[in-house]
Amino acid sequence: MDQTDIKILDLLQKDASASVAEIAEQVNLSVTPCWRRIQKLKEDGVIARTSVLLDPAALGLNLTVFVAIKTSQHSARWTRTLIDAVTALPNVVEFHRMAGDLDYLLKVVVKDMAAYDRFYRRLIEAVDLLDVSASFSMEVIKSTTELPLDGV
């Protein structure tokens, strides 16, 4: 990857709906070489996918919850059960295995507290957990899907 590829990635992160012609103009390439670079970035897995970002509040998903999970079980079978259960819950938008005091951290978006309670009940029915605690986001100060490309 060179600086032109980095510029292309930066532009696509900001607006994936930009045309190849618009991107090519901004990175001083003609359309065909720009298109080829974008295709190569896709083939190499640098561009994992293209998607649309939705506004949770506009959809009535007004509550973001960070769910911390601790477990006393770490077998491969139990872990597979957890992964299957959590990935089947559509309100989970991020799922991380952690180092340190927590074993797993979930980012969950729901309509309201009642919806979170339904989510919680489904989670604890699906898998045996030692401790589940939740922190509720009061305000989003920064949220981005753009990765830092400085130094790449």
Protein backbone atom coordinates (compact mmCIF):
# COMPACT_ATOMS: atom_id res chain seq x y z
CA MET A 1 0.00 0.00 0.00
CA ASP A 2 1.22 3.44 -0.84
CA GLN A 3 0.01 6.93 0.05
CA THR A 4 -2.49 6.92 -2.84
CA ASP A 5 -4.10 3.77 -1.45
CA ILE A 6 -4.24 5.40 1.99
CA LYS A 7 -5.95 8.47 0.50
CA ILE A 8 -8.45 6.25 -1.31
CA LEU A 9 -9.22 4.40 1.92
CA ASP A 10 -9.62 7.65 3.82
CA LEU A 11 -12.08 8.96 1.24
CA LEU A 12 -14.06 5.71 1.19
CA GLN A 13 -14.25 5.64 5.00
CA LYS A 14 -15.78 9.10 4.96
CA ASP A 15 -18.24 8.34 2.13
CA ALA A 16 -18.41 4.89 0.59
CA SER A 17 -21.07 6.13 -1.84
CA ALA A 18 -18.57 8.41 -3.59
CA SER A 19 -18.12 7.44 -7.22
CA VAL A 20 -14.83 6.09 -8.50
CA ALA A 21 -14.60 9.21 -10.67
CA GLU A 22 -14.91 11.48 -7.60
CA ILE A 23 -12.28 9.51 -5.71
CA ALA A 24 -9.96 9.37 -8.72
CA GLU A 25 -10.12 13.15 -9.07
CA GLN A 26 -9.27 13.69 -5.42
CA VAL A 27 -6.25 11.35 -5.53
CA ASN A 28 -5.02 12.57 -8.93
CA LEU A 29 -5.61 9.34 -10.84
CA SER A 30 -7.69 8.50 -13.87
CA VAL A 31 -10.79 6.39 -13.25
CA THR A 32 -9.49 2.99 -14.41
CA PRO A 33 -6.31 2.91 -12.27
CA CYS A 34 -8.33 4.15 -9.29
CA TRP A 35 -10.94 1.43 -9.82
CA ARG A 36 -8.14 -1.18 -10.07
CA ARG A 37 -6.65 0.00 -6.78
CA ILE A 38 -10.03 -0.21 -5.05
CA GLN A 39 -10.56 -3.74 -6.42
CA LYS A 40 -7.08 -4.76 -5.20
CA LEU A 41 -7.82 -3.37 -1.74
CA LYS A 42 -10.99 -5.49 -1.70
CA GLU A 43 -9.17 -8.61 -2.92
CA ASP A 44 -6.48 -8.12 -0.27
CA GLY A 45 -9.13 -7.86 2.45
CA VAL A 46 -8.22 -4.28 3.37
CA ILE A 47 -11.74 -3.24 2.38
CA ALA A 48 -13.73 -5.85 4.27
CA ARG A 49 -17.18 -4.72 3.11
CA THR A 50 -19.24 -1.70 2.20
CA SER A 51 -22.25 -0.88 4.34
CA VAL A 52 -24.67 1.88 5.29
CA LEU A 53 -24.50 3.46 8.75
CA LEU A 54 -27.90 3.98 10.34
CA ASP A 55 -28.83 6.46 13.06
CA PRO A 56 -29.97 4.39 16.06
CA ALA A 57 -32.09 7.25 17.47
CA ALA A 58 -33.92 7.68 14.17
CA LEU A 59 -34.89 4.00 14.45
CA GLY A 60 -36.00 4.31 18.08
CA LEU A 61 -32.94 2.48 19.42
CA ASN A 62 -32.36 5.02 22.16
CA LEU A 63 -30.42 2.98 24.70
CA THR A 64 -26.85 1.77 24.31
CA VAL A 65 -25.70 -0.72 26.92
CA PHE A 66 -22.22 -2.06 27.59
CA VAL A 67 -22.64 -5.52 29.07
CA ALA A 68 -19.69 -6.94 31.01
CA ILE A 69 -19.58 -10.70 31.39
CA LYS A 70 -17.49 -12.76 33.77
CA THR A 71 -17.43 -16.53 33.63
CA SER A 72 -15.88 -19.38 35.53
CA GLN A 73 -15.97 -21.60 32.45
CA HIS A 74 -13.51 -21.50 29.59
CA SER A 75 -13.90 -24.85 27.84
CA ALA A 76 -14.13 -24.94 24.07
CA ARG A 77 -17.68 -26.31 24.26
CA TRP A 78 -18.89 -23.60 26.64
CA THR A 79 -17.18 -20.89 24.58
CA ARG A 80 -18.88 -22.16 21.40
CA THR A 81 -22.24 -22.07 23.23
CA LEU A 82 -21.60 -18.48 24.31
CA ILE A 83 -20.49 -17.37 20.85
CA ASP A 84 -23.50 -19.00 19.19
CA ALA A 85 -25.91 -17.51 21.74
CA VAL A 86 -24.52 -13.97 21.60
CA THR A 87 -24.12 -13.80 17.83
CA ALA A 88 -27.77 -14.91 17.48
CA LEU A 89 -28.93 -11.85 19.46
CA PRO A 90 -29.48 -9.06 16.90
CA ASN A 91 -29.19 -6.26 19.47
CA VAL A 92 -25.50 -7.09 20.00
CA VAL A 93 -23.54 -4.79 17.69
CA GLU A 94 -20.09 -5.59 19.14
CA PHE A 95 -18.79 -8.66 20.98
CA HIS A 96 -15.27 -8.71 22.43
CA ARG A 97 -13.22 -11.29 24.36
CA MET A 98 -11.27 -9.30 26.91
CA ALA A 99 -8.04 -9.54 28.87
CA GLY A 100 -8.10 -8.43 32.49
CA ASP A 101 -10.99 -8.43 34.96
CA LEU A 102 -13.70 -9.03 32.35
CA ASP A 103 -14.02 -12.05 30.13
CA TYR A 104 -16.36 -10.57 27.49
CA LEU A 105 -17.80 -7.18 26.66
CA LEU A 106 -20.91 -6.59 24.56
CA LYS A 107 -22.21 -3.39 23.04
CA VAL A 108 -25.97 -3.66 22.81
CA VAL A 109 -28.51 -1.26 21.30
CA VAL A 110 -32.15 -1.45 22.35
CA LYS A 111 -35.27 0.69 22.36
CA ASP A 112 -35.54 1.18 26.12
CA MET A 113 -35.01 -0.42 29.53
CA ALA A 114 -37.82 -2.94 29.00
CA ALA A 115 -36.17 -4.07 25.76
CA TYR A 116 -32.85 -4.40 27.59
CA ASP A 117 -34.53 -6.53 30.25
CA ARG A 118 -35.88 -8.86 27.53
CA PHE A 119 -32.40 -9.01 26.00
CA TYR A 120 -30.83 -9.79 29.39
CA ARG A 121 -33.31 -12.59 30.07
CA ARG A 122 -32.62 -14.17 26.68
CA LEU A 123 -28.87 -13.97 27.32
CA ILE A 124 -28.90 -15.61 30.74
CA GLU A 125 -31.33 -18.31 29.58
CA ALA A 126 -29.03 -19.21 26.69
CA VAL A 127 -25.75 -19.62 28.55
CA ASP A 128 -24.48 -20.11 32.12
CA LEU A 129 -22.65 -16.96 33.26
CA LEU A 130 -20.92 -16.12 36.54
CA ASP A 131 -21.65 -12.39 36.49
CA VAL A 132 -23.38 -10.00 34.11
CA SER A 133 -23.30 -6.26 34.71
CA ALA A 134 -24.48 -3.41 32.56
CA SER A 135 -23.42 0.18 32.08
CA PHE A 136 -25.83 2.50 30.29
CA SER A 137 -24.55 5.18 27.95
CA MET A 138 -25.93 8.60 28.83
CA GLU A 139 -24.37 10.47 25.92
CA VAL A 140 -22.37 9.57 22.83
CA ILE A 141 -19.43 11.94 22.72
CA LYS A 142 -17.57 10.29 19.85
CA SER A 143 -18.58 7.46 17.58
CA THR A 144 -16.84 6.64 14.34
CA THR A 145 -16.22 3.74 12.04
CA GLU A 146 -13.18 5.46 10.52
CA LEU A 147 -9.90 3.77 11.38
CA PRO A 148 -6.84 5.96 11.95
CA LEU A 149 -4.69 5.76 8.83
CA ASP A 150 -1.77 7.88 10.05
CA GLY A 151 1.34 5.74 10.07
CA VAL A 152 -0.16 2.87 8.06
